[in-house]
């Protein structure tokens, strides 16, 4: 089997590239993409350089490891600011907003209606009608404090 693989020459790297890229399409996660790029680079170099299979594997490993900083740099750009920074983080969008309590906070717990959602709140005891400010978010609970001013 090794003789068959080694007899393919540079084509085995292009085949490995295609297989890795197909795996990336089946199970996306950008990991196989970089291995596919590394296999492609070794295949291109093998077109022009006649080198042993051991050196080819070393080059493949070096290209694959070298892709890690590139992947991190490109991944950081992908997390660029958007026009909807609180998408899928609705509770964080409420931090700093002031609301009027419809029901009192008793024993440090209560609820407040915001739009079509009822949020659990935690904070100091306050009577109904008090104005509160959302100070922080703890899971699905809004941490509130009395609003001043």
N, C-alpha and C. Protein backbone atom coordinates (compact mmCIF):
# COMPACT_ATOMS: atom_id res chain seq x y z
N UNK A 1 0.81 -1.18 0.00
CA UNK A 1 0.00 0.00 0.00
C UNK A 1 0.86 1.26 0.00
N UNK A 2 1.95 1.23 0.80
CA UNK A 2 2.84 2.39 0.82
C UNK A 2 3.46 2.65 -0.54
N UNK A 3 3.76 1.58 -1.25
CA UNK A 3 4.35 1.79 -2.58
C UNK A 3 3.35 2.46 -3.52
N UNK A 4 2.09 2.11 -3.37
CA UNK A 4 1.06 2.75 -4.20
C UNK A 4 0.95 4.23 -3.85
N UNK A 5 0.93 4.52 -2.56
CA UNK A 5 0.82 5.92 -2.12
C UNK A 5 2.04 6.71 -2.56
N UNK A 6 3.22 6.15 -2.34
CA UNK A 6 4.45 6.86 -2.70
C UNK A 6 4.62 6.99 -4.20
N UNK A 7 4.03 6.08 -4.97
CA UNK A 7 4.16 6.15 -6.42
C UNK A 7 3.32 7.27 -7.03
N UNK A 8 2.38 7.81 -6.27
CA UNK A 8 1.55 8.90 -6.76
C UNK A 8 2.32 10.21 -6.86
N UNK A 9 3.43 10.31 -6.15
CA UNK A 9 4.23 11.53 -6.19
C UNK A 9 3.50 12.69 -5.54
N UNK A 10 3.48 13.79 -6.25
CA UNK A 10 2.85 14.98 -5.69
C UNK A 10 1.32 14.88 -5.67
N UNK A 11 0.75 13.98 -6.45
CA UNK A 11 -0.71 13.86 -6.51
C UNK A 11 -1.31 13.45 -5.18
N UNK A 12 -0.58 12.70 -4.38
CA UNK A 12 -1.14 12.28 -3.09
C UNK A 12 -1.43 13.47 -2.19
N UNK A 13 -0.64 14.53 -2.31
CA UNK A 13 -0.90 15.73 -1.51
C UNK A 13 -2.14 16.48 -2.00
N UNK A 14 -2.33 16.50 -3.31
CA UNK A 14 -3.53 17.14 -3.84
C UNK A 14 -4.79 16.34 -3.49
N UNK A 15 -4.67 15.02 -3.49
CA UNK A 15 -5.79 14.16 -3.09
C UNK A 15 -6.10 14.38 -1.61
N UNK A 16 -5.02 14.45 -0.78
CA UNK A 16 -5.22 14.70 0.65
C UNK A 16 -5.87 16.07 0.86
N UNK A 17 -5.47 17.05 0.06
CA UNK A 17 -6.06 18.39 0.14
C UNK A 17 -7.56 18.33 -0.13
N UNK A 18 -7.95 17.66 -1.18
CA UNK A 18 -9.37 17.56 -1.54
C UNK A 18 -10.15 16.82 -0.46
N UNK A 19 -9.58 15.73 0.05
CA UNK A 19 -10.26 14.96 1.11
C UNK A 19 -10.45 15.82 2.35
N UNK A 20 -9.42 16.57 2.74
CA UNK A 20 -9.52 17.42 3.93
C UNK A 20 -10.52 18.55 3.73
N UNK A 21 -10.57 19.12 2.53
CA UNK A 21 -11.53 20.18 2.27
C UNK A 21 -12.96 19.66 2.22
N UNK A 22 -13.14 18.44 1.72
CA UNK A 22 -14.48 17.83 1.74
C UNK A 22 -14.90 17.56 3.19
N UNK A 23 -13.96 17.08 4.01
CA UNK A 23 -14.27 16.88 5.43
C UNK A 23 -14.66 18.20 6.10
N UNK A 24 -14.00 19.29 5.70
CA UNK A 24 -14.34 20.60 6.24
C UNK A 24 -15.76 21.00 5.85
N UNK A 25 -16.17 20.68 4.64
CA UNK A 25 -17.52 21.02 4.21
C UNK A 25 -18.56 20.17 4.92
N UNK A 26 -18.22 18.92 5.21
CA UNK A 26 -19.16 18.03 5.90
C UNK A 26 -19.30 18.44 7.36
N UNK A 27 -18.18 18.72 8.02
CA UNK A 27 -18.18 19.11 9.44
C UNK A 27 -17.39 20.40 9.59
N UNK A 28 -18.03 21.55 9.31
CA UNK A 28 -17.30 22.82 9.33
C UNK A 28 -16.78 23.17 10.71
N UNK A 29 -15.64 23.80 10.74
CA UNK A 29 -15.02 24.23 11.98
C UNK A 29 -13.67 24.86 11.73
N UNK A 30 -13.29 25.00 10.49
CA UNK A 30 -12.04 25.60 9.98
C UNK A 30 -10.78 24.84 10.35
N UNK A 31 -10.87 23.73 11.06
CA UNK A 31 -9.66 22.98 11.39
C UNK A 31 -9.12 22.23 10.18
N UNK A 32 -9.99 21.50 9.49
CA UNK A 32 -9.55 20.73 8.32
C UNK A 32 -9.18 21.64 7.16
N UNK A 33 -9.72 22.84 7.14
CA UNK A 33 -9.38 23.79 6.09
C UNK A 33 -7.88 24.07 6.08
N UNK A 34 -7.32 24.31 7.25
CA UNK A 34 -5.90 24.64 7.33
C UNK A 34 -5.02 23.43 7.04
N UNK A 35 -5.46 22.26 7.42
CA UNK A 35 -4.71 21.05 7.05
C UNK A 35 -4.75 20.84 5.54
N UNK A 36 -5.90 21.14 4.93
CA UNK A 36 -6.01 21.06 3.48
C UNK A 36 -5.10 22.05 2.78
N UNK A 37 -5.01 23.26 3.32
CA UNK A 37 -4.10 24.26 2.75
C UNK A 37 -2.66 23.79 2.89
N UNK A 38 -2.31 23.21 4.03
CA UNK A 38 -0.95 22.70 4.23
C UNK A 38 -0.64 21.59 3.23
N UNK A 39 -1.58 20.69 3.00
CA UNK A 39 -1.38 19.61 2.02
C UNK A 39 -1.23 20.19 0.62
N UNK A 40 -2.01 21.21 0.28
CA UNK A 40 -1.90 21.85 -1.02
C UNK A 40 -0.52 22.48 -1.21
N UNK A 41 -0.02 23.15 -0.18
CA UNK A 41 1.30 23.79 -0.28
C UNK A 41 2.40 22.76 -0.48
N UNK A 42 2.33 21.65 0.24
CA UNK A 42 3.33 20.59 0.06
C UNK A 42 3.22 20.02 -1.35
N UNK A 43 2.01 19.87 -1.87
CA UNK A 43 1.84 19.38 -3.23
C UNK A 43 2.43 20.33 -4.25
N UNK A 44 2.23 21.62 -4.07
CA UNK A 44 2.79 22.61 -5.01
C UNK A 44 4.31 22.58 -4.96
N UNK A 45 4.88 22.52 -3.78
CA UNK A 45 6.34 22.46 -3.67
C UNK A 45 6.86 21.17 -4.29
N UNK A 46 6.13 20.09 -4.10
CA UNK A 46 6.55 18.80 -4.66
C UNK A 46 6.53 18.79 -6.18
N UNK A 47 5.77 19.69 -6.79
CA UNK A 47 5.81 19.81 -8.26
C UNK A 47 7.20 20.22 -8.75
N UNK A 48 7.89 21.03 -7.97
CA UNK A 48 9.16 21.60 -8.39
C UNK A 48 10.37 21.00 -7.70
N UNK A 49 10.18 20.38 -6.54
CA UNK A 49 11.29 19.83 -5.76
C UNK A 49 11.09 18.33 -5.60
N UNK A 50 12.14 17.56 -5.86
CA UNK A 50 12.09 16.12 -5.65
C UNK A 50 12.68 15.84 -4.27
N UNK A 51 11.83 15.62 -3.29
CA UNK A 51 12.30 15.40 -1.93
C UNK A 51 11.67 14.16 -1.34
N UNK A 52 12.25 13.66 -0.27
CA UNK A 52 11.80 12.40 0.32
C UNK A 52 10.44 12.60 1.00
N UNK A 53 9.74 11.49 1.20
CA UNK A 53 8.43 11.57 1.82
C UNK A 53 8.53 12.03 3.26
N UNK A 54 9.69 11.73 3.92
CA UNK A 54 9.87 12.18 5.29
C UNK A 54 9.90 13.71 5.37
N UNK A 55 10.63 14.33 4.44
CA UNK A 55 10.68 15.79 4.41
C UNK A 55 9.32 16.38 4.04
N UNK A 56 8.60 15.68 3.20
CA UNK A 56 7.27 16.16 2.85
C UNK A 56 6.36 16.18 4.08
N UNK A 57 6.43 15.14 4.91
CA UNK A 57 5.62 15.11 6.12
C UNK A 57 6.06 16.19 7.12
N UNK A 58 7.36 16.43 7.20
CA UNK A 58 7.86 17.49 8.08
C UNK A 58 7.34 18.85 7.59
N UNK A 59 7.38 19.06 6.27
CA UNK A 59 6.88 20.32 5.71
C UNK A 59 5.37 20.45 5.96
N UNK A 60 4.64 19.35 5.81
CA UNK A 60 3.20 19.37 6.07
C UNK A 60 2.94 19.78 7.52
N UNK A 61 3.68 19.17 8.46
CA UNK A 61 3.51 19.51 9.88
C UNK A 61 3.86 20.97 10.13
N UNK A 62 4.93 21.46 9.51
CA UNK A 62 5.34 22.85 9.70
C UNK A 62 4.28 23.80 9.15
N UNK A 63 3.73 23.51 7.97
CA UNK A 63 2.69 24.36 7.41
C UNK A 63 1.42 24.32 8.27
N UNK A 64 1.08 23.13 8.76
CA UNK A 64 -0.11 23.00 9.60
C UNK A 64 0.06 23.79 10.90
N UNK A 65 1.24 23.72 11.52
CA UNK A 65 1.49 24.48 12.75
C UNK A 65 1.59 25.97 12.45
N UNK A 66 2.14 26.31 11.30
CA UNK A 66 2.24 27.72 10.92
C UNK A 66 0.90 28.35 10.62
N UNK A 67 -0.09 27.54 10.33
CA UNK A 67 -1.42 28.06 10.04
C UNK A 67 -2.15 28.51 11.30
N UNK A 68 -1.68 28.07 12.47
CA UNK A 68 -2.36 28.43 13.73
C UNK A 68 -2.36 29.94 13.96
N UNK A 69 -1.19 30.63 13.88
CA UNK A 69 -1.25 32.09 14.06
C UNK A 69 -2.09 32.79 13.00
N UNK A 70 -2.03 32.28 11.77
CA UNK A 70 -2.84 32.86 10.70
C UNK A 70 -4.32 32.69 10.99
N UNK A 71 -4.70 31.50 11.46
CA UNK A 71 -6.08 31.23 11.81
C UNK A 71 -6.54 32.14 12.94
N UNK A 72 -5.70 32.35 13.96
CA UNK A 72 -6.06 33.23 15.07
C UNK A 72 -6.23 34.67 14.61
N UNK A 73 -5.35 35.11 13.72
CA UNK A 73 -5.43 36.48 13.24
C UNK A 73 -6.71 36.68 12.42
N UNK A 74 -7.00 35.75 11.53
CA UNK A 74 -8.22 35.86 10.72
C UNK A 74 -9.47 35.68 11.57
N UNK A 75 -9.39 34.82 12.58
CA UNK A 75 -10.52 34.61 13.47
C UNK A 75 -10.83 35.84 14.30
N UNK A 76 -9.81 36.60 14.67
CA UNK A 76 -10.03 37.83 15.43
C UNK A 76 -10.74 38.87 14.57
N UNK A 77 -10.43 38.91 13.29
CA UNK A 77 -11.11 39.84 12.40
C UNK A 77 -12.56 39.46 12.20
N UNK A 78 -12.85 38.17 12.24
CA UNK A 78 -14.23 37.71 12.04
C UNK A 78 -15.13 38.17 13.17
N UNK A 79 -14.56 38.46 14.34
CA UNK A 79 -15.34 38.91 15.49
C UNK A 79 -15.44 40.44 15.52
N UNK A 80 -15.47 41.05 14.36
CA UNK A 80 -15.55 42.50 14.26
C UNK A 80 -16.90 42.99 14.79
N UNK A 81 -16.95 44.25 15.23
CA UNK A 81 -18.21 44.79 15.74
C UNK A 81 -19.31 44.74 14.68
N UNK A 82 -20.52 44.53 15.16
CA UNK A 82 -21.67 44.45 14.25
C UNK A 82 -22.66 45.55 14.59
N UNK A 83 -23.68 45.69 13.77
CA UNK A 83 -24.71 46.68 14.03
C UNK A 83 -25.70 46.20 15.09
N UNK A 84 -25.60 44.92 15.50
CA UNK A 84 -26.45 44.36 16.55
C UNK A 84 -25.57 43.65 17.58
N UNK A 85 -24.88 44.42 18.43
CA UNK A 85 -23.92 43.80 19.35
C UNK A 85 -24.56 42.91 20.41
N UNK A 86 -25.86 43.10 20.71
CA UNK A 86 -26.50 42.31 21.75
C UNK A 86 -27.40 41.21 21.20
N UNK A 87 -27.21 40.86 19.93
CA UNK A 87 -27.96 39.77 19.36
C UNK A 87 -27.64 38.49 20.13
N UNK A 88 -28.65 37.79 20.57
CA UNK A 88 -28.53 36.57 21.38
C UNK A 88 -27.99 36.85 22.78
N UNK A 89 -27.95 38.11 23.19
CA UNK A 89 -27.53 38.50 24.55
C UNK A 89 -28.46 39.63 25.00
N UNK A 90 -29.74 39.37 24.99
CA UNK A 90 -30.74 40.41 25.28
C UNK A 90 -30.59 40.98 26.67
N UNK A 91 -30.25 40.15 27.64
CA UNK A 91 -30.16 40.64 29.01
C UNK A 91 -29.07 41.69 29.15
N UNK A 92 -27.96 41.52 28.47
CA UNK A 92 -26.86 42.49 28.55
C UNK A 92 -27.26 43.84 27.97
N UNK A 93 -28.19 43.85 27.04
CA UNK A 93 -28.66 45.11 26.46
C UNK A 93 -29.45 45.93 27.47
N UNK A 94 -29.93 45.31 28.54
CA UNK A 94 -30.73 46.01 29.54
C UNK A 94 -29.89 46.70 30.60
N UNK A 95 -28.61 46.41 30.67
CA UNK A 95 -27.74 47.01 31.69
C UNK A 95 -27.74 48.53 31.52
N UNK A 96 -27.99 49.21 32.63
CA UNK A 96 -28.01 50.68 32.63
C UNK A 96 -29.39 51.27 32.43
N UNK A 97 -30.35 50.49 31.99
CA UNK A 97 -31.69 51.02 31.76
C UNK A 97 -32.47 51.13 33.08
N UNK A 98 -33.35 52.09 33.13
CA UNK A 98 -34.15 52.35 34.33
C UNK A 98 -35.59 51.93 34.06
N UNK A 99 -36.20 51.24 35.04
CA UNK A 99 -37.57 50.76 34.94
C UNK A 99 -38.33 51.11 36.21
N UNK A 100 -39.63 51.12 36.12
CA UNK A 100 -40.50 51.33 37.29
C UNK A 100 -41.09 49.98 37.67
N UNK A 101 -40.97 49.66 38.96
CA UNK A 101 -41.48 48.37 39.45
C UNK A 101 -43.00 48.35 39.45
N UNK A 102 -43.58 47.33 38.87
CA UNK A 102 -45.02 47.12 38.94
C UNK A 102 -45.38 46.34 40.20
N UNK A 103 -44.47 45.46 40.60
CA UNK A 103 -44.63 44.66 41.81
C UNK A 103 -43.39 44.86 42.67
N UNK A 104 -43.52 44.79 43.99
CA UNK A 104 -42.38 45.07 44.86
C UNK A 104 -41.32 43.96 44.80
N UNK A 105 -40.12 44.33 45.19
CA UNK A 105 -39.05 43.33 45.39
C UNK A 105 -39.13 42.95 46.87
N UNK A 106 -39.38 41.67 47.13
CA UNK A 106 -39.53 41.18 48.50
C UNK A 106 -38.52 40.07 48.71
N UNK A 107 -37.77 40.17 49.80
CA UNK A 107 -36.78 39.14 50.11
C UNK A 107 -35.64 39.11 49.09
N UNK A 108 -35.43 40.23 48.42
CA UNK A 108 -34.33 40.31 47.46
C UNK A 108 -34.67 39.79 46.08
N UNK A 109 -35.92 39.31 45.88
CA UNK A 109 -36.31 38.76 44.57
C UNK A 109 -37.61 39.39 44.09
N UNK A 110 -37.75 39.45 42.77
CA UNK A 110 -38.97 39.96 42.18
C UNK A 110 -38.96 39.73 40.69
N UNK A 111 -39.92 40.35 40.00
CA UNK A 111 -39.99 40.24 38.55
C UNK A 111 -40.31 41.60 37.97
N UNK A 112 -39.97 41.76 36.71
CA UNK A 112 -40.28 42.98 36.00
C UNK A 112 -40.58 42.62 34.56
N UNK A 113 -41.58 43.29 33.99
CA UNK A 113 -41.92 43.07 32.60
C UNK A 113 -41.20 44.07 31.71
N UNK A 114 -40.49 43.56 30.73
CA UNK A 114 -39.80 44.40 29.75
C UNK A 114 -40.26 43.93 28.38
N UNK A 115 -41.05 44.75 27.72
CA UNK A 115 -41.60 44.34 26.43
C UNK A 115 -42.53 43.16 26.63
N UNK A 116 -42.26 42.06 25.94
CA UNK A 116 -43.11 40.87 26.06
C UNK A 116 -42.47 39.80 26.95
N UNK A 117 -41.44 40.19 27.71
CA UNK A 117 -40.70 39.23 28.52
C UNK A 117 -40.78 39.61 29.99
N UNK A 118 -40.95 38.63 30.85
CA UNK A 118 -40.91 38.85 32.29
C UNK A 118 -39.54 38.37 32.77
N UNK A 119 -38.79 39.29 33.38
CA UNK A 119 -37.44 38.99 33.86
C UNK A 119 -37.46 38.82 35.38
N UNK A 120 -36.66 37.89 35.85
CA UNK A 120 -36.45 37.73 37.29
C UNK A 120 -35.42 38.77 37.69
N UNK A 121 -35.68 39.47 38.80
CA UNK A 121 -34.74 40.48 39.26
C UNK A 121 -34.32 40.17 40.69
N UNK A 122 -33.13 40.63 41.04
CA UNK A 122 -32.61 40.47 42.39
C UNK A 122 -31.99 41.79 42.80
N UNK A 123 -32.27 42.19 44.02
CA UNK A 123 -31.74 43.44 44.54
C UNK A 123 -32.35 43.76 45.89
N UNK A 124 -32.09 44.96 46.38
CA UNK A 124 -32.65 45.33 47.68
C UNK A 124 -34.17 45.45 47.61
N UNK A 125 -34.83 45.19 48.74
CA UNK A 125 -36.28 45.28 48.79
C UNK A 125 -36.72 46.70 48.44
N UNK A 126 -37.70 46.80 47.52
CA UNK A 126 -38.25 48.08 47.08
C UNK A 126 -39.75 47.93 46.90
N UNK A 127 -40.52 48.99 47.21
CA UNK A 127 -41.97 48.91 47.02
C UNK A 127 -42.33 49.09 45.55
N UNK A 128 -43.54 48.69 45.19
CA UNK A 128 -44.03 48.89 43.82
C UNK A 128 -44.03 50.38 43.52
N UNK A 129 -43.72 50.74 42.29
CA UNK A 129 -43.65 52.13 41.89
C UNK A 129 -42.24 52.70 42.00
N UNK A 130 -41.32 51.99 42.63
CA UNK A 130 -39.94 52.47 42.74
C UNK A 130 -39.25 52.38 41.39
N UNK A 131 -38.30 53.27 41.19
CA UNK A 131 -37.51 53.23 39.96
C UNK A 131 -36.21 52.49 40.26
N UNK A 132 -35.91 51.52 39.39
CA UNK A 132 -34.70 50.72 39.56
C UNK A 132 -33.86 50.78 38.29
N UNK A 133 -32.57 50.55 38.45
CA UNK A 133 -31.64 50.51 37.33
C UNK A 133 -31.01 49.11 37.29
N UNK A 134 -30.91 48.56 36.09
CA UNK A 134 -30.28 47.25 35.92
C UNK A 134 -28.77 47.47 35.99
N UNK A 135 -28.13 46.84 36.98
CA UNK A 135 -26.70 47.02 37.20
C UNK A 135 -25.86 45.91 36.58
N UNK A 136 -26.39 44.70 36.55
CA UNK A 136 -25.62 43.57 36.03
C UNK A 136 -26.58 42.45 35.65
N UNK A 137 -26.02 41.44 35.01
CA UNK A 137 -26.78 40.27 34.61
C UNK A 137 -26.09 39.04 35.17
N UNK A 138 -26.88 38.16 35.80
CA UNK A 138 -26.35 36.91 36.33
C UNK A 138 -27.20 35.78 35.76
N UNK A 139 -26.77 35.25 34.62
CA UNK A 139 -27.56 34.22 33.94
C UNK A 139 -28.83 34.84 33.39
N UNK A 140 -29.99 34.39 33.89
CA UNK A 140 -31.28 34.94 33.45
C UNK A 140 -31.85 35.89 34.49
N UNK A 141 -31.05 36.26 35.47
CA UNK A 141 -31.49 37.17 36.52
C UNK A 141 -30.84 38.53 36.34
N UNK A 142 -31.66 39.58 36.40
CA UNK A 142 -31.14 40.94 36.33
C UNK A 142 -30.84 41.43 37.74
N UNK A 143 -29.63 41.88 38.00
CA UNK A 143 -29.25 42.47 39.29
C UNK A 143 -29.59 43.95 39.21
N UNK A 144 -30.44 44.41 40.12
CA UNK A 144 -30.91 45.79 40.06
C UNK A 144 -30.50 46.54 41.32
N UNK A 145 -30.55 47.87 41.20
CA UNK A 145 -30.28 48.77 42.31
C UNK A 145 -31.24 49.94 42.19
N UNK A 146 -31.52 50.63 43.28
CA UNK A 146 -32.42 51.79 43.19
C UNK A 146 -31.80 52.85 42.27
N UNK A 147 -32.65 53.42 41.42
CA UNK A 147 -32.19 54.47 40.50
C UNK A 147 -32.17 55.79 41.24
N UNK A 148 -31.12 56.54 41.05
CA UNK A 148 -31.02 57.85 41.68
C UNK A 148 -31.20 58.91 40.60
N UNK A 149 -31.98 59.89 40.91
CA UNK A 149 -32.16 61.02 40.01
C UNK A 149 -33.13 60.83 38.97
